[in-house]
Structures are given as structure tokens and as C-alpha cells.
Amino acid sequence: ASPMVYKSLLLVCADNKKAGAIFGLDRKSGEVVWKVDRPRIPNYTSPVVHRLGGRDQLVLSGCEKVVSIDPLTGKVRWETKGSTQETVTSSVTDGERVFISGGWPKNHVHAVESDGSGKVVWRNISRVYVPSMLVTKGHLFAVMDGGAAMCWDCRTGERRWKGLLGGTFSSSPVLVGDHIHVINENGEYFQFKADPAHFEVVHKSRIGEQVFATPAYCGGRVYARVAVFQNDVRREKLLCLGERP
């Protein structure tokens, strides 16, 4: 799990088999400002703070539950059952619902009301284990670990379409304008339309032999960490894709 900077704090998730916990650390001193103990279950989700119901909420899945925490104080606002044990994806929201997914030991994607009731609005058994999902245009988009792209209606959970990209995915899709960009583990770069009406790939290329990290996008450029093999030796490189200045 990656840490997250929030105001004066560094938010850290440390779920594990022995003594899992979530911490709010002072950014300057590293001192523990608050701590929330967690079940002794390994989990890999990174913290994300959403603005829900007029206040900031740190929403986490995994460890067999979904929990909302005040990111400044560590106070648990609400929690509900429904998540599987291990999740890697971070939660996303449309402002009314929080969407989570997991892949071990059970596969699931589901929507939870963000009003504090913890009500599960809809769910399915799609395997979106490692790549995080994204929300745009009232729809939830995902790339499954096994190579399929998915689109669901945020409100009802109705599947709009399923499209095949191919390969295995660890990096998460990123929304850039009206298109979704994603790279599979074989280094194949895909760009498809963020269109609930239909699935359409508009670009495909290869930028490396292995890719596990999610690329970063800034100033019209793509920054990607890739690996190539030279004389059977694996070497990592940082690529910058875009027009030269």
C-alpha cells in the first residue's frame, strides 16, 4: 500500500497477519497522531480520502469489511461487512456511492451507500483484484486482471459492456480527457473510449516487455516505468512519451 499525504498528516495502511493498523502520522515529526487497529489479515489497499456528505472520509476495503474513518482524528464513522479478505484496489466514488473490489478468496465488485448507512446497493462477482477502478459520466469503468475491460452503471450496477484487451494487468487504468489509458504486464499500451454506450480501442502499441506500475500523466506526456530484457538481464527504465519540447 502506498501512503497518502492529507493536510498535516501522512496516512499509512499497514494491514498484516500479526498486528495490522492504520496510522495518521505527523508529516514533520513522524509521530503517531492517531492509530486504528485492524484485523490480523494481510491486505494491500492504499488510502484514499473522498469528500462524502460534506466531509472528508478515508474509505478502505478488505479485512472482510468496508470502513470510513475521519482522516484527521482516526474516528471510525461507519463500517459494514461485505468486502473479501484481501483487496489491492483503492476505493472510488461518484459522490453518492463508494465502489470497492477484491479478489481473494472471493471475487467481487460492489457499491456501498456513502450516507453512513453502510447499505450495499449492488454487487457482482467480477475479478477486479489489482487494478483500481475509475468513475466518469455516471459509470464505473474497470480493467480486470485477466484482460477484460468493463463498464457498469453506477446507480444500478447494470453492465453496459465488456470488451477484451488481452494480457494480464497489474497497473491501473487512468482517465485522460474522454479516453482511458492502461498498460498490461507485457508492456502493451491500450487507449479506449470512456464511453458507456460502446467499447472501442483507439490505440494500441508496445512500450516495454514488462510493466507493473501505473503510469503518470502530466503536461500532455506519459511517464511509465517499464522493464526490458537485455542478454537475459532484466533492466528497468523510465520512459517519457509525448512530443519533444
Foldseek 3Di string as FASTA:
>chain_A
DDWDDDVQWIWDWAAAQPWTKIFTAGPPPRHTQDIDTAHNADEAAYWDWDCEPNAIWTWDAACQKIWTARNVRRHTLAMDGDGYHYANAGWEDPRQWIWGFAPPPFTKIWIAGRPRPRDTQDMDRAAQGAAYWYDDPQWIWFAHQQAKIWIARNRRRHTLDIGGGGAGAREYWDDDPQWIWGAHQQQKIWIWGVDSNDTDTDDIDGDERGFNYYWDDDPQKIWGWYWHADPNDIDIDIDIDDDDD
